[in-house]
Every structure is written in structure tokens, then in C-alpha cells.
C-alpha atoms as a PDB file:
ATOM      1  CA  MET A   1      45.095  -8.171  20.821  1.00  0.00           C
ATOM      2  CA  ARG A   2      43.468  -6.248  17.985  1.00  0.00           C
ATOM      3  CA  ALA A   3      40.819  -3.622  18.565  1.00  0.00           C
ATOM      4  CA  ALA A   4      37.387  -4.708  17.431  1.00  0.00           C
ATOM      5  CA  LYS A   5      36.112  -3.015  14.303  1.00  0.00           C
ATOM      6  CA  PRO A   6      33.148  -0.770  14.979  1.00  0.00           C
ATOM      7  CA  LYS A   7      29.965  -2.174  13.496  1.00  0.00           C
ATOM      8  CA  ALA A   8      28.293  -0.069  10.854  1.00  0.00           C
ATOM      9  CA  ILE A   9      24.881   1.090  11.946  1.00  0.00           C
ATOM     10  CA  LYS A  10      22.270   0.351   9.332  1.00  0.00           C
ATOM     11  CA  PRO A  11      19.052   2.330   9.338  1.00  0.00           C
ATOM     12  CA  LYS A  12      16.167   0.148  10.457  1.00  0.00           C
ATOM     13  CA  VAL A  13      13.815  -0.665   7.596  1.00  0.00           C
ATOM     14  CA  PRO A  14      10.208  -0.825   8.777  1.00  0.00           C
ATOM     15  CA  LEU A  15       8.395  -4.140   8.571  1.00  0.00           C
ATOM     16  CA  GLU A  16       5.797  -4.552   5.835  1.00  0.00           C
ATOM     17  CA  ARG A  17       2.982  -4.734   8.380  1.00  0.00           C
ATOM     18  CA  ASP A  18       4.089  -1.386   9.876  1.00  0.00           C
ATOM     19  CA  VAL A  19       4.156   0.209   6.428  1.00  0.00           C
ATOM     20  CA  GLN A  20       0.684  -1.243   5.811  1.00  0.00           C
ATOM     21  CA  ASP A  21      -0.631   0.201   9.097  1.00  0.00           C
ATOM     22  CA  GLU A  22       0.542   3.689   8.072  1.00  0.00           C
ATOM     23  CA  ILE A  23      -0.948   3.335   4.583  1.00  0.00           C
ATOM     24  CA  VAL A  24      -4.321   2.201   5.995  1.00  0.00           C
ATOM     25  CA  LYS A  25      -4.358   5.174   8.406  1.00  0.00           C
ATOM     26  CA  VAL A  26      -3.839   7.728   5.653  1.00  0.00           C
ATOM     27  CA  LEU A  27      -6.249   6.034   3.220  1.00  0.00           C
ATOM     28  CA  ALA A  28      -8.926   6.146   5.943  1.00  0.00           C
ATOM     29  CA  LEU A  29      -8.885   9.931   5.492  1.00  0.00           C
ATOM     30  CA  VAL A  30     -10.108   9.674   1.878  1.00  0.00           C
ATOM     31  CA  LYS A  31     -13.904   9.891   1.655  1.00  0.00           C
ATOM     32  CA  GLY A  32     -15.705   7.636  -0.810  1.00  0.00           C
ATOM     33  CA  ILE A  33     -13.433   4.611  -0.479  1.00  0.00           C
ATOM     34  CA  LYS A  34     -13.348   1.548   1.751  1.00  0.00           C
ATOM     35  CA  VAL A  35     -10.079  -0.244   2.485  1.00  0.00           C
ATOM     36  CA  TYR A  36     -10.082  -4.006   3.008  1.00  0.00           C
ATOM     37  CA  GLN A  37      -6.981  -5.697   4.425  1.00  0.00           C
ATOM     38  CA  THR A  38      -6.510  -9.156   2.976  1.00  0.00           C
ATOM     39  CA  SER A  39      -3.152  -9.918   4.555  1.00  0.00           C
ATOM     40  CA  ILE A  40      -4.118  -9.863   8.225  1.00  0.00           C
ATOM     41  CA  ARG A  41      -5.957 -12.609  10.044  1.00  0.00           C
ATOM     42  CA  LYS A  42      -6.877 -11.629  13.571  1.00  0.00           C
ATOM     43  CA  GLY A  43      -5.545 -13.988  16.213  1.00  0.00           C
ATOM     44  CA  ALA A  44      -3.049 -15.697  13.926  1.00  0.00           C
ATOM     45  CA  GLY A  45       0.534 -16.016  15.029  1.00  0.00           C
ATOM     46  CA  ARG A  46       2.213 -14.849  18.177  1.00  0.00           C
ATOM     47  CA  ASP A  47       1.469 -11.181  17.478  1.00  0.00           C
ATOM     48  CA  GLY A  48      -2.062 -11.696  16.133  1.00  0.00           C
ATOM     49  CA  ARG A  49      -0.956 -10.180  12.825  1.00  0.00           C
ATOM     50  CA  SER A  50       0.805 -12.854  10.810  1.00  0.00           C
ATOM     51  CA  GLY A  51      -0.711 -15.049   8.168  1.00  0.00           C
ATOM     52  CA  GLY A  52      -3.338 -13.978   5.686  1.00  0.00           C
ATOM     53  CA  GLY A  53      -4.644 -17.211   4.308  1.00  0.00           C
ATOM     54  CA  GLN A  54      -5.575 -15.667   0.943  1.00  0.00           C
ATOM     55  CA  ASP A  55      -4.661 -17.063  -2.461  1.00  0.00           C
ATOM     56  CA  LYS A  56      -1.208 -16.249  -3.799  1.00  0.00           C
ATOM     57  CA  GLY A  57      -1.208 -13.117  -5.942  1.00  0.00           C
ATOM     58  CA  ILE A  58      -3.985 -11.340  -4.008  1.00  0.00           C
ATOM     59  CA  PRO A  59      -2.806  -7.842  -2.960  1.00  0.00           C
ATOM     60  CA  ASP A  60      -2.544  -6.845   0.718  1.00  0.00           C
ATOM     61  CA  LEU A  61      -5.137  -4.071   0.389  1.00  0.00           C
ATOM     62  CA  ILE A  62      -8.232  -3.896  -1.758  1.00  0.00           C
ATOM     63  CA  ILE A  63      -9.934  -0.530  -2.105  1.00  0.00           C
ATOM     64  CA  SER A  64     -13.587  -0.290  -3.012  1.00  0.00           C
ATOM     65  CA  LEU A  65     -14.648   2.933  -4.699  1.00  0.00           C
ATOM     66  CA  ALA A  66     -18.123   3.731  -3.353  1.00  0.00           C
ATOM     67  CA  ALA A  67     -19.367   5.488  -6.482  1.00  0.00           C
ATOM     68  CA  PHE A  68     -18.283   2.617  -8.729  1.00  0.00           C
ATOM     69  CA  PRO A  69     -19.849  -0.699  -7.676  1.00  0.00           C
ATOM     70  CA  GLY A  70     -17.627  -3.577  -8.690  1.00  0.00           C
ATOM     71  CA  VAL A  71     -14.547  -1.374  -9.191  1.00  0.00           C
ATOM     72  CA  TYR A  72     -11.622  -2.186  -6.916  1.00  0.00           C
ATOM     73  CA  VAL A  73      -8.047  -1.006  -6.667  1.00  0.00           C
ATOM     74  CA  GLY A  74      -5.420  -3.407  -5.329  1.00  0.00           C
ATOM     75  CA  ILE A  75      -2.331  -2.354  -3.397  1.00  0.00           C
ATOM     76  CA  GLU A  76       0.512  -4.729  -2.644  1.00  0.00           C
ATOM     77  CA  VAL A  77       2.418  -3.316   0.329  1.00  0.00           C
ATOM     78  CA  LYS A  78       6.182  -3.735   0.367  1.00  0.00           C
ATOM     79  CA  ARG A  79       8.973  -2.613   2.655  1.00  0.00           C
ATOM     80  CA  PRO A  80      11.033   0.380   1.499  1.00  0.00           C
ATOM     81  CA  GLY A  81      13.787  -0.661  -0.884  1.00  0.00           C
ATOM     82  CA  THR A  82      13.843  -3.315  -3.565  1.00  0.00           C
ATOM     83  CA  ILE A  83      10.565  -5.100  -4.227  1.00  0.00           C
ATOM     84  CA  LYS A  84      10.724  -8.799  -3.381  1.00  0.00           C
ATOM     85  CA  TRP A  85       7.814 -10.919  -4.582  1.00  0.00           C
ATOM     86  CA  SER A  86       6.578 -13.574  -2.156  1.00  0.00           C
ATOM     87  CA  SER A  87       5.480 -15.996  -4.881  1.00  0.00           C
ATOM     88  CA  PRO A  88       5.585 -16.470  -8.662  1.00  0.00           C
ATOM     89  CA  GLU A  89       1.823 -15.780  -8.702  1.00  0.00           C
ATOM     90  CA  GLN A  90       2.336 -12.442  -6.959  1.00  0.00           C
ATOM     91  CA  LYS A  91       5.133 -11.491  -9.348  1.00  0.00           C
ATOM     92  CA  GLU A  92       2.971 -12.383 -12.365  1.00  0.00           C
ATOM     93  CA  ALA A  93      -0.002 -10.376 -11.034  1.00  0.00           C
ATOM     94  CA  GLY A  94       2.275  -7.402 -10.392  1.00  0.00           C
ATOM     95  CA  GLU A  95       3.803  -7.563 -13.851  1.00  0.00           C
ATOM     96  CA  LEU A  96       0.292  -7.711 -15.375  1.00  0.00           C
ATOM     97  CA  ASN A  97      -0.655  -4.541 -13.441  1.00  0.00           C
ATOM     98  CA  ARG A  98      -3.413  -6.318 -11.500  1.00  0.00           C
ATOM     99  CA  PHE A  99      -2.445  -4.077  -8.573  1.00  0.00           C
ATOM    100  CA  PHE A 100       0.148  -1.450  -7.797  1.00  0.00           C
ATOM    101  CA  THR A 101       2.848  -1.618  -5.167  1.00  0.00           C
ATOM    102  CA  ALA A 102       3.340   0.913  -2.387  1.00  0.00           C
ATOM    103  CA  ARG A 103       6.264   1.224  -0.014  1.00  0.00           C
ATOM    104  CA  SER A 104       4.890   4.292   1.748  1.00  0.00           C
ATOM    105  CA  GLU A 105       1.777   6.360   2.337  1.00  0.00           C
ATOM    106  CA  VAL A 106       2.840   8.714  -0.447  1.00  0.00           C
ATOM    107  CA  GLU A 107       3.134   5.877  -2.986  1.00  0.00           C
ATOM    108  CA  ALA A 108      -0.276   4.552  -1.901  1.00  0.00           C
ATOM    109  CA  LEU A 109      -1.913   7.965  -2.287  1.00  0.00           C
ATOM    110  CA  ASN A 110      -0.284   8.544  -5.670  1.00  0.00           C
ATOM    111  CA  GLY A 111      -1.379   5.096  -6.853  1.00  0.00           C
ATOM    112  CA  LEU A 112      -4.950   5.756  -5.742  1.00  0.00           C
ATOM    113  CA  ALA A 113      -4.926   9.118  -7.555  1.00  0.00           C
ATOM    114  CA  GLN A 114      -3.624   7.450 -10.722  1.00  0.00           C
ATOM    115  CA  ALA A 115      -6.313   4.750 -10.541  1.00  0.00           C
ATOM    116  CA  ALA A 116      -8.983   7.438 -10.070  1.00  0.00           C
ATOM    117  CA  ALA A 117      -7.564   9.408 -13.003  1.00  0.00           C
ATOM    118  CA  ASN A 118      -7.911   6.307 -15.176  1.00  0.00           C
ATOM    119  CA  ILE A 119     -11.632   6.231 -14.316  1.00  0.00           C
ATOM    120  CA  GLY A 120     -11.956   9.913 -15.215  1.00  0.00           C
ATOM    121  CA  THR A 121     -15.404  10.773 -13.813  1.00  0.00           C
ATOM    122  CA  PRO A 122     -16.353  13.732 -11.574  1.00  0.00           C
ATOM    123  CA  HIS A 123     -16.406  11.434  -8.511  1.00  0.00           C
ATOM    124  CA  ALA A 124     -12.959  10.136  -9.410  1.00  0.00           C
ATOM    125  CA  HIS A 125     -11.722  13.729  -9.592  1.00  0.00           C
ATOM    126  CA  ARG A 126     -13.041  14.313  -6.058  1.00  0.00           C
ATOM    127  CA  ILE A 127     -10.819  11.436  -4.896  1.00  0.00           C
ATOM    128  CA  ILE A 128      -7.866  13.000  -6.723  1.00  0.00           C
ATOM    129  CA  ASP A 129      -8.568  16.367  -5.054  1.00  0.00           C
ATOM    130  CA  GLN A 130      -8.634  14.722  -1.627  1.00  0.00           C
ATOM    131  CA  VAL A 131      -5.358  12.923  -2.329  1.00  0.00           C
ATOM    132  CA  GLU A 132      -3.698  16.161  -3.438  1.00  0.00           C
ATOM    133  CA  LYS A 133      -4.850  17.920  -0.252  1.00  0.00           C
ATOM    134  CA  LEU A 134      -3.495  15.078   1.886  1.00  0.00           C
ATOM    135  CA  LEU A 135      -0.162  15.196   0.071  1.00  0.00           C
ATOM    136  CA  GLN A 136      -0.027  18.966   0.583  1.00  0.00           C
ATOM    137  CA  ALA A 137      -0.755  18.495   4.277  1.00  0.00           C
ATOM    138  CA  MET A 138       2.068  15.950   4.374  1.00  0.00           C
ATOM    139  CA  GLN A 139       4.197  18.511   2.507  1.00  0.00           C
ATOM    140  CA  VAL A 140       4.880  16.116  -0.337  1.00  0.00           C
ATOM    141  CA  LYS A 141       4.668  16.802  -4.034  1.00  0.00           C
ATOM    142  CA  LYS A 142       2.623  14.447  -6.155  1.00  0.00           C
ATOM    143  CA  VAL A 143       4.968  12.091  -7.942  1.00  0.00           C
ATOM    144  CA  ALA A 144       2.689  10.753 -10.667  1.00  0.00           C
END
């Protein structure tokens, strides 16, 4: 009888909803924005978390910038690793830069800072300053 080969242990990749929870927690620390979750419908599914019911191509998070009525930033949350689009509509929206993707809190913060930099007003720079302080507190260097 042959000895069984030991199974390789793969690191556990967090679920998208867990990544989203962490992103929402850190974004809640930024003053002057409001985060809306489009991908969660309370009471749906066994865990109360599955199913969003929104149109295909709508990002998981929509951020409203308080000082800029009508200006929103979209974040499509993905698991760490290769980005897999859930629909052709989502892929098209992503390729057209209708939102940015984030696989971590750091990517979400950097994306928000980049969006604020594109606006370029004093209020937008206050958002950037807050993001930089959060990244410093997390001991992470700004990527973008």
C-alpha cells in the first residue's frame, strides 16, 4: 500500500462579502462621504447577505461626496487575486472606467484618493488628507 501524498495547504482567500465588509468599515472613517452598498439585500439567502437585485454592471459600493451633490464614486469589490467579472455588462462598465475595483481596504482608499484628486477642489484635498492619514495609521504607503 502506498503512502498518501500530503495535500498542499492553500491560503484561504477571503470571500468578496468579507472584503466588502472590511472596505466599508475603513471608508466609514472618512468624513464627508457616504457609502451605499448596492450588493446586499437584507434577509436574502440563507445568510441574509446574498443577492443584490441591482442591474448588471452596477458597482457593489457607491460613494456620495457630500460637498459635491450628484458626484458619486463607484467601487466594484473583488476577492484578492485575478479579477473575474460576473457579467459582460460589469466587464464593459469596468473597462469604460465607470467604477474602480478594490480587492482590499488599501485599494479602496487609494481609489477614493485618486477620484478626489480628479475633482481637485479644497474639499477633495481634505478627503485625500484623511485617506493618507488612514493609510499611515495602517502603515501602508500610498500606491497611486
